[in-house]
Amino acid sequence: MPPDRSTRRPADRKDDYEEFLGLFSRNQSRVQAYIRSLVPDAAHADDVFQATSLVLWRSFATFDRDKDFLPWAFGVARHQVLMFWRTKRRDRHVFSETLIATLADDTLGRADFAADRQRALDACVEGLPPRQRDLIRMFYGENKSADTIAASWDRTVHAVYKALKVMRKSLLKCVERRLATEGLLPE
C-alpha cells in the first residue's frame, strides 16, 4: 500500500518530486506525441496533456517503481483522451469511443516499436568511429549548424552535409539489420 501523503516527511515528497520529474521529462515528448495522435486539434491536445500531467503527478505515489514509467503514463493519457472525447460527444464530427480505443491501442504498439528503433539507433551510433559520433552529436544533439561544424573541422559545408547523408543511410541500414536480427521489424 502506498504511503499516506499526509504523514510523509517533506524530504520524502521532495524525493518523489525529483524522481517524478526525471521520469516525466525523459518521456514527456512521447506522451505528448501519443496524445497528439489521438487528439488532432493542437489546443485540445495541449489541454489533454496538461490534464494527463496533473493526473500523473497526483497519482505518482501509486506508481509501481518496479515497472516502466512510459506504459503507465500512456495508460493515464489514454484515459484522459477517452474522457476528452466523451465530453466532445455532442459534436457530430467526433469518432466513436471504440474507434478512439482502437487508435489508442495501435498508437501504443507504434510507441513500443519507436522505443525499439531508438535502442537500435543508439547502439548503431555507439558503433560509429569517434569522429562520426562527434558529428552526429554536434549536428543532432547540440543543434550546431553545418557552417559551424565545417569551420571548426576545416571542411566545406558541402562535405559536412555529404558526411551526414552517408551516415544517415548507414545508420538506417544498421537499425533495420538490428531490428531484423531481433525479430522486431513490423510485418
Protein backbone atom coordinates (compact mmCIF):
# COMPACT_ATOMS: atom_id res chain seq x y z
CA MET A 1 0.00 0.00 0.00
CA PRO A 2 1.43 3.43 -0.91
CA PRO A 3 2.47 5.65 1.95
CA ASP A 4 -0.09 8.17 3.15
CA ARG A 5 0.90 11.54 1.72
CA SER A 6 -0.34 13.39 4.79
CA THR A 7 2.10 11.61 7.12
CA ARG A 8 5.14 11.66 4.88
CA ARG A 9 8.07 13.88 5.69
CA PRO A 10 8.78 16.83 3.33
CA ALA A 11 12.03 15.16 2.25
CA ASP A 12 10.06 12.12 1.02
CA ARG A 13 7.82 14.38 -1.05
CA LYS A 14 10.91 16.12 -2.45
CA ASP A 15 12.43 12.74 -3.40
CA ASP A 16 9.15 11.78 -5.10
CA TYR A 17 9.12 15.08 -6.93
CA GLU A 18 12.67 14.67 -8.19
CA GLU A 19 12.05 11.07 -9.26
CA PHE A 20 8.81 12.03 -10.99
CA LEU A 21 10.43 14.99 -12.72
CA GLY A 22 13.25 12.80 -14.04
CA LEU A 23 10.91 10.14 -15.39
CA PHE A 24 8.41 12.65 -16.73
CA SER A 25 10.98 14.82 -18.51
CA ARG A 26 12.52 11.77 -20.24
CA ASN A 27 9.10 10.65 -21.52
CA GLN A 28 7.22 13.92 -21.94
CA SER A 29 7.61 14.19 -25.71
CA ARG A 30 6.40 10.61 -26.23
CA VAL A 31 3.31 11.21 -24.09
CA GLN A 32 2.62 14.45 -25.98
CA ALA A 33 3.02 12.68 -29.34
CA TYR A 34 0.71 9.88 -28.20
CA ILE A 35 -1.98 12.36 -27.18
CA ARG A 36 -1.47 14.42 -30.35
CA SER A 37 -2.00 11.29 -32.47
CA LEU A 38 -5.41 10.83 -30.85
CA VAL A 39 -6.47 14.48 -30.49
CA PRO A 40 -5.71 16.25 -33.78
CA ASP A 41 -6.51 19.79 -32.61
CA ALA A 42 -3.32 21.20 -31.07
CA ALA A 43 -5.09 23.33 -28.45
CA HIS A 44 -7.25 20.42 -27.30
CA ALA A 45 -4.23 18.09 -27.31
CA ASP A 46 -2.38 20.57 -25.09
CA ASP A 47 -5.33 20.64 -22.69
CA VAL A 48 -5.42 16.83 -22.54
CA PHE A 49 -1.64 16.77 -22.00
CA GLN A 50 -1.95 19.23 -19.10
CA ALA A 51 -4.71 17.13 -17.53
CA THR A 52 -2.60 13.99 -18.04
CA SER A 53 0.44 15.63 -16.45
CA LEU A 54 -1.59 16.60 -13.40
CA VAL A 55 -3.04 13.11 -13.00
CA LEU A 56 0.42 11.57 -13.41
CA TRP A 57 1.84 13.74 -10.64
CA ARG A 58 -1.16 13.33 -8.32
CA SER A 59 -1.13 9.54 -8.68
CA PHE A 60 2.66 9.09 -8.73
CA ALA A 61 2.55 7.67 -5.18
CA THR A 62 0.59 4.70 -6.56
CA PHE A 63 3.05 4.10 -9.42
CA ASP A 64 4.87 0.76 -9.07
CA ARG A 65 8.56 1.76 -9.22
CA ASP A 66 9.46 -1.76 -10.42
CA LYS A 67 7.63 -1.13 -13.70
CA ASP A 68 8.35 1.12 -16.67
CA PHE A 69 7.02 4.66 -16.40
CA LEU A 70 6.07 5.10 -20.07
CA PRO A 71 3.39 2.37 -20.32
CA TRP A 72 1.84 3.68 -17.12
CA ALA A 73 1.90 7.25 -18.47
CA PHE A 74 0.35 6.06 -21.75
CA GLY A 75 -2.43 4.36 -19.78
CA VAL A 76 -3.19 7.59 -17.93
CA ALA A 77 -3.04 9.55 -21.19
CA ARG A 78 -5.36 7.06 -22.88
CA HIS A 79 -7.89 7.51 -20.10
CA GLN A 80 -7.64 11.30 -20.36
CA VAL A 81 -8.12 11.14 -24.15
CA LEU A 82 -11.21 8.96 -23.75
CA MET A 83 -12.59 11.38 -21.15
CA PHE A 84 -11.96 14.27 -23.54
CA TRP A 85 -13.81 12.55 -26.39
CA ARG A 86 -16.72 11.66 -24.09
CA THR A 87 -17.18 15.34 -23.30
CA LYS A 88 -16.98 16.18 -27.00
CA ARG A 89 -19.56 13.52 -27.93
CA ARG A 90 -22.21 16.15 -28.68
CA ASP A 91 -20.16 17.23 -31.70
CA ARG A 92 -21.35 15.21 -34.69
CA HIS A 93 -17.76 15.04 -36.06
CA VAL A 94 -16.45 13.03 -33.12
CA PHE A 95 -15.33 9.43 -33.57
CA SER A 96 -16.86 6.61 -31.58
CA GLU A 97 -15.25 5.55 -28.33
CA THR A 98 -14.48 2.15 -29.89
CA LEU A 99 -12.55 3.78 -32.73
CA ILE A 100 -10.65 6.04 -30.31
CA ALA A 101 -9.75 3.00 -28.17
CA THR A 102 -8.58 1.11 -31.27
CA LEU A 103 -6.46 4.08 -32.37
CA ALA A 104 -5.03 4.40 -28.86
CA ASP A 105 -4.04 0.73 -28.79
CA ASP A 106 -2.49 0.99 -32.27
CA THR A 107 -0.53 4.06 -31.20
CA LEU A 108 0.78 2.20 -28.15
CA GLY A 109 2.08 -0.53 -30.45
CA ARG A 110 3.87 2.06 -32.53
CA ALA A 111 5.35 3.65 -29.44
CA ASP A 112 6.85 0.29 -28.46
CA PHE A 113 8.31 -0.05 -31.95
CA ALA A 114 9.68 3.52 -31.75
CA ALA A 115 11.40 2.63 -28.48
CA ASP A 116 12.93 -0.47 -30.12
CA ARG A 117 14.12 1.66 -33.05
CA GLN A 118 15.62 4.21 -30.66
CA ARG A 119 17.55 1.50 -28.79
CA ALA A 120 18.83 0.10 -32.10
CA LEU A 121 19.82 3.58 -33.28
CA ASP A 122 21.67 4.26 -30.02
CA ALA A 123 23.61 1.01 -30.44
CA CYS A 124 24.40 1.82 -34.09
CA VAL A 125 25.62 5.32 -33.20
CA GLU A 126 27.83 3.83 -30.48
CA GLY A 127 29.38 1.59 -33.15
CA LEU A 128 30.47 4.57 -35.26
CA PRO A 129 34.06 5.80 -35.23
CA PRO A 130 34.59 8.66 -32.74
CA ARG A 131 34.73 11.41 -35.37
CA GLN A 132 31.42 10.32 -36.92
CA ARG A 133 29.83 10.09 -33.44
CA ASP A 134 31.07 13.62 -32.77
CA LEU A 135 29.48 14.84 -35.99
CA ILE A 136 26.14 13.22 -35.08
CA ARG A 137 26.32 14.63 -31.55
CA MET A 138 27.18 18.15 -32.71
CA PHE A 139 24.63 18.31 -35.54
CA TYR A 140 21.67 16.49 -33.94
CA GLY A 141 22.39 16.64 -30.22
CA GLU A 142 23.81 20.13 -29.88
CA ASN A 143 21.97 21.54 -32.93
CA LYS A 144 25.13 23.11 -34.32
CA SER A 145 24.82 24.31 -37.88
CA ALA A 146 26.73 22.69 -40.72
CA ASP A 147 28.53 26.04 -41.17
CA THR A 148 29.79 25.97 -37.58
CA ILE A 149 30.91 22.34 -37.82
CA ALA A 150 32.58 22.92 -41.18
CA ALA A 151 34.50 25.90 -39.81
CA SER A 152 35.66 24.05 -36.69
CA TRP A 153 36.74 20.99 -38.70
CA ASP A 154 38.25 22.97 -41.59
CA ARG A 155 35.87 21.34 -44.08
CA THR A 156 33.33 22.68 -46.52
CA VAL A 157 29.65 22.86 -45.63
CA HIS A 158 29.01 20.52 -48.56
CA ALA A 159 31.44 17.97 -47.07
CA VAL A 160 29.59 18.09 -43.72
CA TYR A 161 26.19 17.56 -45.38
CA LYS A 162 27.61 14.78 -47.53
CA ALA A 163 29.05 13.02 -44.47
CA LEU A 164 25.70 13.34 -42.67
CA LYS A 165 23.87 11.92 -45.67
CA VAL A 166 26.20 8.92 -45.87
CA MET A 167 25.92 8.32 -42.11
CA ARG A 168 22.11 8.56 -42.14
CA LYS A 169 21.95 5.87 -44.83
CA SER A 170 24.46 3.72 -42.96
CA LEU A 171 22.59 4.15 -39.66
CA LEU A 172 19.26 3.31 -41.30
CA LYS A 173 20.70 0.05 -42.65
CA CYS A 174 22.26 -0.73 -39.27
CA VAL A 175 18.96 -0.09 -37.43
CA GLU A 176 16.99 -2.23 -39.89
CA ARG A 177 19.58 -5.01 -39.63
CA ARG A 178 19.47 -4.94 -35.80
CA LEU A 179 15.66 -4.94 -35.73
CA ALA A 180 15.50 -7.79 -38.24
CA THR A 181 18.04 -9.79 -36.22
CA GLU A 182 15.95 -9.29 -33.08
CA GLY A 183 12.71 -10.09 -34.97
CA LEU A 184 11.32 -6.63 -34.26
CA LEU A 185 10.56 -5.39 -37.78
CA PRO A 186 6.82 -4.79 -38.29
CA GLU A 187 5.08 -7.12 -40.70
